[in-house]
Amino acid sequence: QVQLVESGGGLVQAGGSLRLSCAASGRIFSRYTMGWFRQAPGKERELVAAISWSGGSTSYADSVKGRFTISRDNAKNTVYLQMNSLKPEDTAVYYCNIDPPVSVYWGQGTQVTVSS
């Protein structure tokens, strides 16, 4: 059984930075591509960044490219999302999951609020 716990969200001014963490339980963590997803009020959940099991390959949504960086530490079963130059439109609940996501793995997420 895999459990994913997100942390690191908060309230930040536009232009600021946050670093999100996703701690995974279970031995399968290192075998999967991991993704960070977000859901803003009234919008569908979207993938913002993904990283291969080895960390050697990453991909980003156009809206965050150049501002966000995804990374992982398989020894710690943790995936990170460094978010810089935050914009009000980045306000959302952020989740991690394997990519493509599995519904039973969704956690509570962590709220990111960017004020203008």
Protein backbone atom coordinates (compact mmCIF):
# COMPACT_ATOMS: atom_id res chain seq x y z
CA GLN A 1 0.00 0.00 0.00
CA VAL A 2 1.31 3.43 -0.95
CA GLN A 3 0.62 6.58 1.03
CA LEU A 4 1.62 10.03 -0.22
CA VAL A 5 1.82 13.02 2.12
CA GLU A 6 2.35 16.50 0.74
CA SER A 7 3.74 19.44 2.72
CA GLY A 8 5.36 22.83 2.30
CA GLY A 9 2.48 24.92 1.04
CA GLY A 10 1.57 28.32 2.37
CA LEU A 11 0.79 31.93 1.63
CA VAL A 12 3.38 33.84 -0.38
CA GLN A 13 3.50 37.10 -2.27
CA ALA A 14 3.80 37.16 -6.03
CA GLY A 15 7.41 36.68 -7.03
CA GLY A 16 8.15 34.56 -3.98
CA SER A 17 9.21 30.94 -3.67
CA LEU A 18 8.04 27.77 -1.98
CA ARG A 19 9.39 24.24 -1.84
CA LEU A 20 6.89 21.41 -1.68
CA SER A 21 7.71 17.94 -0.44
CA CYS A 22 5.92 14.65 -1.00
CA ALA A 23 6.83 11.80 1.31
CA ALA A 24 5.91 8.34 0.08
CA SER A 25 5.55 5.17 2.04
CA GLY A 26 5.94 1.82 0.37
CA ARG A 27 8.79 0.22 -1.50
CA ILE A 28 7.43 0.87 -4.97
CA PHE A 29 8.18 4.59 -4.89
CA SER A 30 11.49 4.36 -6.74
CA ARG A 31 9.98 2.30 -9.57
CA TYR A 32 7.59 4.95 -10.84
CA THR A 33 7.50 8.26 -12.60
CA MET A 34 6.19 10.77 -10.08
CA GLY A 35 4.19 13.87 -10.78
CA TRP A 36 3.07 17.04 -9.09
CA PHE A 37 -0.49 18.02 -9.86
CA ARG A 38 -2.58 21.01 -8.88
CA GLN A 39 -6.24 21.90 -8.71
CA ALA A 40 -7.45 25.47 -8.56
CA PRO A 41 -11.00 26.33 -7.48
CA GLY A 42 -13.47 25.55 -10.24
CA LYS A 43 -10.85 23.91 -12.43
CA GLU A 44 -9.81 20.38 -13.20
CA ARG A 45 -6.71 18.86 -11.68
CA GLU A 46 -3.71 19.26 -13.96
CA LEU A 47 -0.21 17.84 -14.15
CA VAL A 48 2.41 20.54 -13.65
CA ALA A 49 5.63 18.51 -13.48
CA ALA A 50 6.83 14.92 -13.72
CA ILE A 51 10.09 13.12 -13.07
CA SER A 52 11.20 9.67 -14.16
CA TRP A 53 12.04 6.95 -11.68
CA SER A 54 15.76 7.66 -12.00
CA GLY A 55 15.36 11.42 -11.93
CA GLY A 56 17.04 11.63 -15.31
CA SER A 57 14.04 12.92 -17.18
CA THR A 58 11.68 15.73 -16.25
CA SER A 59 8.80 17.47 -17.94
CA TYR A 60 6.77 20.58 -17.16
CA ALA A 61 3.52 22.23 -18.10
CA ASP A 62 4.10 25.30 -20.24
CA SER A 63 2.61 27.49 -17.54
CA VAL A 64 5.37 26.63 -15.05
CA LYS A 65 8.33 25.94 -17.32
CA GLY A 66 11.38 27.89 -16.25
CA ARG A 67 9.89 28.66 -12.82
CA PHE A 68 9.31 25.24 -11.22
CA THR A 69 11.81 22.43 -10.72
CA ILE A 70 10.90 18.87 -9.80
CA SER A 71 13.41 16.56 -8.14
CA ARG A 72 13.41 13.34 -6.14
CA ASP A 73 15.46 11.51 -3.56
CA ASN A 74 14.71 7.80 -3.84
CA ALA A 75 16.72 7.03 -0.72
CA LYS A 76 14.29 9.22 1.23
CA ASN A 77 11.21 8.23 -0.77
CA THR A 78 10.56 11.91 -1.35
CA VAL A 79 9.79 14.07 -4.36
CA TYR A 80 10.13 17.84 -4.31
CA LEU A 81 8.77 20.80 -6.24
CA GLN A 82 10.76 24.01 -6.06
CA MET A 83 8.51 26.88 -7.12
CA ASN A 84 10.06 30.25 -7.92
CA SER A 85 8.64 33.48 -9.33
CA LEU A 86 5.21 32.48 -8.12
CA LYS A 87 2.17 34.11 -9.69
CA PRO A 88 -1.40 34.50 -8.37
CA GLU A 89 -2.52 31.99 -11.02
CA ASP A 90 -0.36 29.35 -9.30
CA THR A 91 -2.82 29.40 -6.39
CA ALA A 92 -4.15 25.86 -6.00
CA VAL A 93 -4.02 22.72 -3.92
CA TYR A 94 -0.94 20.77 -4.94
CA TYR A 95 -0.83 16.98 -4.95
CA CYS A 96 1.70 14.34 -5.81
CA ASN A 97 0.98 10.97 -7.35
CA ILE A 98 2.56 8.52 -9.70
CA ASP A 99 2.19 9.49 -13.33
CA PRO A 100 -0.24 8.56 -14.75
CA PRO A 101 -2.07 8.99 -11.44
CA VAL A 102 -3.84 6.28 -9.49
CA SER A 103 -6.99 7.44 -7.77
CA VAL A 104 -6.41 5.59 -4.50
CA TYR A 105 -3.05 7.29 -4.05
CA TRP A 106 -4.37 10.87 -3.88
CA GLY A 107 -3.50 12.49 -0.56
CA GLN A 108 -4.85 15.61 1.10
CA GLY A 109 -2.61 17.93 -0.87
CA THR A 110 -1.02 21.14 0.30
CA GLN A 111 -2.52 24.58 -0.29
CA VAL A 112 -0.47 27.19 -2.11
CA THR A 113 -1.84 30.71 -2.13
CA VAL A 114 -0.07 33.49 -4.01
CA SER A 115 -1.17 37.03 -3.28
CA SER A 116 -0.80 39.84 -5.78
